[in-house]
């Protein structure tokens, strides 16, 4: 089953939330995203202010969540929790 872009963005943010500053290849494997797509998604997340690129030494770059990115992850966790509660309640269909 294919993931939507939103699901992939959230998966990337979750990896960074769990691992902290992480190299590109580690994000690629943990989020299960190919490298060309990952770079595109990382650029989008950087432009949105959700992650940042950090240079470590001369040749090493890592990616990390910003405060805003951590907030977005928290919102998704709360939404997921709320939706699972609704599902458990087995709300009957509306009668018209």
N, C-alpha and C. Protein backbone atom coordinates (compact mmCIF):
# COMPACT_ATOMS: atom_id res chain seq x y z
N UNK A 1 0.84 -1.18 0.00
CA UNK A 1 0.00 0.00 0.00
C UNK A 1 0.88 1.25 0.00
N UNK A 2 0.61 2.15 -0.91
CA UNK A 2 1.41 3.37 -1.03
C UNK A 2 1.07 4.36 0.07
N UNK A 3 2.08 5.09 0.50
CA UNK A 3 1.87 6.14 1.49
C UNK A 3 1.67 7.46 0.78
N UNK A 4 0.89 8.31 1.38
CA UNK A 4 0.71 9.66 0.84
C UNK A 4 1.95 10.49 1.19
N UNK A 5 2.07 11.64 0.57
CA UNK A 5 3.18 12.54 0.90
C UNK A 5 3.13 12.92 2.37
N UNK A 6 1.93 13.20 2.86
CA UNK A 6 1.78 13.59 4.26
C UNK A 6 2.29 12.48 5.18
N UNK A 7 1.94 11.25 4.88
CA UNK A 7 2.41 10.12 5.70
C UNK A 7 3.93 10.01 5.65
N UNK A 8 4.50 10.26 4.51
CA UNK A 8 5.96 10.19 4.38
C UNK A 8 6.63 11.33 5.14
N UNK A 9 6.05 12.53 5.07
CA UNK A 9 6.59 13.65 5.85
C UNK A 9 6.56 13.33 7.33
N UNK A 10 5.44 12.79 7.79
CA UNK A 10 5.30 12.45 9.21
C UNK A 10 6.29 11.35 9.59
N UNK A 11 6.49 10.36 8.73
CA UNK A 11 7.46 9.29 9.02
C UNK A 11 8.87 9.86 9.17
N UNK A 12 9.22 10.80 8.32
CA UNK A 12 10.55 11.42 8.41
C UNK A 12 10.67 12.19 9.72
N UNK A 13 9.65 12.96 10.06
CA UNK A 13 9.67 13.72 11.31
C UNK A 13 9.74 12.79 12.52
N UNK A 14 9.06 11.65 12.45
CA UNK A 14 9.10 10.68 13.55
C UNK A 14 10.50 10.09 13.72
N UNK A 15 11.15 9.78 12.61
CA UNK A 15 12.52 9.24 12.68
C UNK A 15 13.43 10.25 13.38
N UNK A 16 13.32 11.50 12.98
CA UNK A 16 14.17 12.53 13.58
C UNK A 16 13.82 12.76 15.04
N UNK A 17 12.54 12.62 15.39
CA UNK A 17 12.13 12.78 16.79
C UNK A 17 12.71 11.65 17.65
N UNK A 18 12.74 10.45 17.10
CA UNK A 18 13.24 9.30 17.85
C UNK A 18 14.76 9.27 17.93
N UNK A 19 15.42 9.59 16.81
CA UNK A 19 16.87 9.42 16.72
C UNK A 19 17.65 10.69 17.04
N UNK A 20 17.02 11.86 16.97
CA UNK A 20 17.76 13.10 17.11
C UNK A 20 18.44 13.41 15.78
N UNK A 21 19.43 14.29 15.78
CA UNK A 21 20.12 14.61 14.52
C UNK A 21 20.63 13.35 13.83
N UNK A 22 20.24 13.20 12.56
CA UNK A 22 20.47 11.94 11.85
C UNK A 22 20.99 12.19 10.44
N UNK A 23 21.86 11.30 9.98
CA UNK A 23 22.38 11.39 8.62
C UNK A 23 21.31 10.98 7.61
N UNK A 24 21.49 11.45 6.39
CA UNK A 24 20.56 11.18 5.30
C UNK A 24 20.30 9.69 5.11
N UNK A 25 21.35 8.89 5.09
CA UNK A 25 21.16 7.45 4.84
C UNK A 25 20.38 6.77 5.95
N UNK A 26 20.57 7.21 7.18
CA UNK A 26 19.83 6.61 8.29
C UNK A 26 18.35 6.97 8.19
N UNK A 27 18.06 8.20 7.81
CA UNK A 27 16.65 8.60 7.62
C UNK A 27 16.05 7.76 6.50
N UNK A 28 16.80 7.60 5.43
CA UNK A 28 16.33 6.85 4.27
C UNK A 28 15.90 5.43 4.68
N UNK A 29 16.71 4.75 5.44
CA UNK A 29 16.40 3.37 5.84
C UNK A 29 15.28 3.32 6.88
N UNK A 30 15.33 4.17 7.87
CA UNK A 30 14.33 4.14 8.94
C UNK A 30 12.95 4.56 8.46
N UNK A 31 12.88 5.55 7.55
CA UNK A 31 11.59 6.03 7.04
C UNK A 31 11.15 5.26 5.80
N UNK A 32 12.03 4.41 5.29
CA UNK A 32 11.75 3.60 4.10
C UNK A 32 11.37 4.48 2.89
N UNK A 33 12.29 5.39 2.56
CA UNK A 33 12.10 6.32 1.44
C UNK A 33 13.35 6.27 0.57
N UNK A 34 13.20 6.22 -0.76
CA UNK A 34 14.40 6.19 -1.61
C UNK A 34 15.09 7.54 -1.59
N UNK A 35 16.36 7.55 -1.93
CA UNK A 35 17.19 8.74 -1.74
C UNK A 35 16.76 9.96 -2.55
N UNK A 36 16.34 9.77 -3.79
CA UNK A 36 15.94 10.94 -4.60
C UNK A 36 14.67 11.58 -4.06
N UNK A 37 13.72 10.77 -3.65
CA UNK A 37 12.48 11.30 -3.07
C UNK A 37 12.77 11.92 -1.71
N UNK A 38 13.62 11.28 -0.94
CA UNK A 38 13.93 11.77 0.40
C UNK A 38 14.51 13.17 0.34
N UNK A 39 15.43 13.40 -0.57
CA UNK A 39 16.05 14.73 -0.67
C UNK A 39 14.99 15.79 -0.98
N UNK A 40 14.07 15.46 -1.88
CA UNK A 40 12.97 16.37 -2.22
C UNK A 40 12.11 16.66 -0.98
N UNK A 41 11.80 15.62 -0.21
CA UNK A 41 10.96 15.78 0.97
C UNK A 41 11.69 16.55 2.08
N UNK A 42 12.98 16.29 2.23
CA UNK A 42 13.76 17.04 3.22
C UNK A 42 13.80 18.52 2.86
N UNK A 43 13.98 18.83 1.58
CA UNK A 43 13.99 20.23 1.15
C UNK A 43 12.65 20.90 1.48
N UNK A 44 11.54 20.19 1.24
CA UNK A 44 10.22 20.73 1.56
C UNK A 44 10.09 20.99 3.07
N UNK A 45 10.50 20.01 3.88
CA UNK A 45 10.39 20.15 5.33
C UNK A 45 11.28 21.27 5.86
N UNK A 46 12.44 21.48 5.23
CA UNK A 46 13.31 22.60 5.61
C UNK A 46 12.63 23.92 5.29
N UNK A 47 12.06 24.03 4.09
CA UNK A 47 11.38 25.27 3.69
C UNK A 47 10.20 25.58 4.59
N UNK A 48 9.55 24.54 5.12
CA UNK A 48 8.42 24.73 6.02
C UNK A 48 8.86 25.04 7.45
N UNK A 49 10.15 24.95 7.70
CA UNK A 49 10.67 25.22 9.05
C UNK A 49 10.45 24.09 10.03
N UNK A 50 10.24 22.87 9.53
CA UNK A 50 9.98 21.73 10.39
C UNK A 50 11.25 20.96 10.75
N UNK A 51 12.25 21.02 9.88
CA UNK A 51 13.55 20.41 10.17
C UNK A 51 14.64 21.39 9.77
N UNK A 52 15.85 21.10 10.22
CA UNK A 52 17.00 21.92 9.84
C UNK A 52 18.16 21.02 9.47
N UNK A 53 19.01 21.55 8.60
CA UNK A 53 20.21 20.85 8.16
C UNK A 53 21.37 21.40 8.97
N UNK A 54 22.16 20.54 9.56
CA UNK A 54 23.30 20.96 10.38
C UNK A 54 24.58 20.37 9.81
N UNK A 55 25.58 21.22 9.68
CA UNK A 55 26.90 20.75 9.23
C UNK A 55 27.71 20.34 10.45
N UNK A 56 28.28 19.15 10.38
CA UNK A 56 29.14 18.65 11.45
C UNK A 56 30.48 18.34 10.81
N UNK A 57 31.48 19.09 11.19
CA UNK A 57 32.78 18.92 10.56
C UNK A 57 32.75 19.46 9.14
N UNK A 58 33.67 18.99 8.33
CA UNK A 58 33.78 19.50 6.95
C UNK A 58 32.80 18.83 6.00
N UNK A 59 32.63 17.53 6.11
CA UNK A 59 31.88 16.79 5.10
C UNK A 59 30.59 16.16 5.58
N UNK A 60 30.25 16.30 6.83
CA UNK A 60 29.11 15.57 7.37
C UNK A 60 27.93 16.50 7.60
N UNK A 61 26.76 16.06 7.14
CA UNK A 61 25.53 16.83 7.33
C UNK A 61 24.51 15.93 8.03
N UNK A 62 23.84 16.47 9.02
CA UNK A 62 22.76 15.74 9.68
C UNK A 62 21.51 16.61 9.63
N UNK A 63 20.37 15.97 9.84
CA UNK A 63 19.08 16.65 9.84
C UNK A 63 18.45 16.48 11.21
N UNK A 64 17.76 17.52 11.67
CA UNK A 64 17.14 17.48 12.99
C UNK A 64 15.82 18.23 12.96
N UNK A 65 14.89 17.80 13.81
CA UNK A 65 13.62 18.51 13.94
C UNK A 65 13.85 19.87 14.57
N UNK A 66 13.08 20.84 14.15
CA UNK A 66 13.04 22.13 14.82
C UNK A 66 11.95 22.04 15.90
N UNK A 67 11.81 23.10 16.66
CA UNK A 67 10.73 23.15 17.65
C UNK A 67 9.39 23.01 16.97
N UNK A 68 9.25 23.66 15.83
CA UNK A 68 8.00 23.58 15.07
C UNK A 68 7.74 22.14 14.58
N UNK A 69 8.78 21.45 14.14
CA UNK A 69 8.64 20.06 13.70
C UNK A 69 8.22 19.16 14.84
N UNK A 70 8.78 19.38 16.02
CA UNK A 70 8.40 18.59 17.19
C UNK A 70 6.94 18.84 17.57
N UNK A 71 6.50 20.09 17.43
CA UNK A 71 5.10 20.43 17.71
C UNK A 71 4.17 19.71 16.74
N UNK A 72 4.54 19.68 15.46
CA UNK A 72 3.72 19.01 14.45
C UNK A 72 3.59 17.52 14.78
N UNK A 73 4.68 16.89 15.18
CA UNK A 73 4.65 15.47 15.56
C UNK A 73 3.70 15.27 16.74
N UNK A 74 3.76 16.16 17.71
CA UNK A 74 2.87 16.05 18.88
C UNK A 74 1.41 16.16 18.45
N UNK A 75 1.11 17.07 17.53
CA UNK A 75 -0.27 17.20 17.03
C UNK A 75 -0.73 15.92 16.34
N UNK A 76 0.15 15.31 15.55
CA UNK A 76 -0.21 14.07 14.87
C UNK A 76 -0.43 12.94 15.86
N UNK A 77 0.36 12.88 16.91
CA UNK A 77 0.16 11.85 17.93
C UNK A 77 -1.20 12.02 18.62
N UNK A 78 -1.54 13.27 18.95
CA UNK A 78 -2.82 13.54 19.59
C UNK A 78 -3.98 13.22 18.65
N UNK A 79 -3.85 13.57 17.38
CA UNK A 79 -4.89 13.27 16.41
C UNK A 79 -5.05 11.77 16.24
N UNK A 80 -3.94 11.05 16.15
CA UNK A 80 -3.99 9.60 16.02
C UNK A 80 -4.68 8.97 17.23
N UNK A 81 -4.35 9.47 18.41
CA UNK A 81 -4.96 8.96 19.64
C UNK A 81 -6.47 9.25 19.64
N UNK A 82 -6.86 10.45 19.24
CA UNK A 82 -8.28 10.81 19.21
C UNK A 82 -9.04 9.97 18.19
N UNK A 83 -8.43 9.72 17.05
CA UNK A 83 -9.10 8.92 16.02
C UNK A 83 -9.23 7.46 16.46
N UNK A 84 -8.26 6.94 17.17
CA UNK A 84 -8.38 5.56 17.63
C UNK A 84 -9.45 5.43 18.70
N UNK A 85 -9.66 6.45 19.51
CA UNK A 85 -10.72 6.44 20.51
C UNK A 85 -12.08 6.45 19.82
N UNK A 86 -12.22 7.25 18.78
CA UNK A 86 -13.47 7.30 18.04
C UNK A 86 -13.75 5.95 17.41
N UNK A 87 -12.73 5.31 16.86
CA UNK A 87 -12.90 4.00 16.23
C UNK A 87 -13.33 2.96 17.25
N UNK A 88 -12.77 3.03 18.45
CA UNK A 88 -13.11 2.06 19.48
C UNK A 88 -14.54 2.21 19.96
N UNK A 89 -15.07 3.40 19.90
CA UNK A 89 -16.44 3.64 20.36
C UNK A 89 -17.48 3.05 19.42
N UNK A 90 -17.07 2.71 18.22
CA UNK A 90 -17.98 2.13 17.22
C UNK A 90 -19.26 2.97 17.09
N UNK A 91 -19.04 4.20 16.74
CA UNK A 91 -20.15 5.13 16.58
C UNK A 91 -21.06 4.61 15.47
N UNK A 92 -22.36 4.46 15.76
CA UNK A 92 -23.27 3.96 14.71
C UNK A 92 -23.47 5.01 13.63
N UNK A 93 -23.80 4.57 12.42
CA UNK A 93 -24.02 5.53 11.34
C UNK A 93 -25.22 6.42 11.67
N UNK A 94 -25.15 7.63 11.17
CA UNK A 94 -26.25 8.58 11.40
C UNK A 94 -27.50 8.12 10.68
N UNK A 95 -28.62 8.29 11.33
CA UNK A 95 -29.90 7.96 10.72
C UNK A 95 -30.48 9.22 10.10
N UNK A 96 -30.98 9.12 8.91
CA UNK A 96 -31.52 10.29 8.22
C UNK A 96 -33.02 10.23 8.20
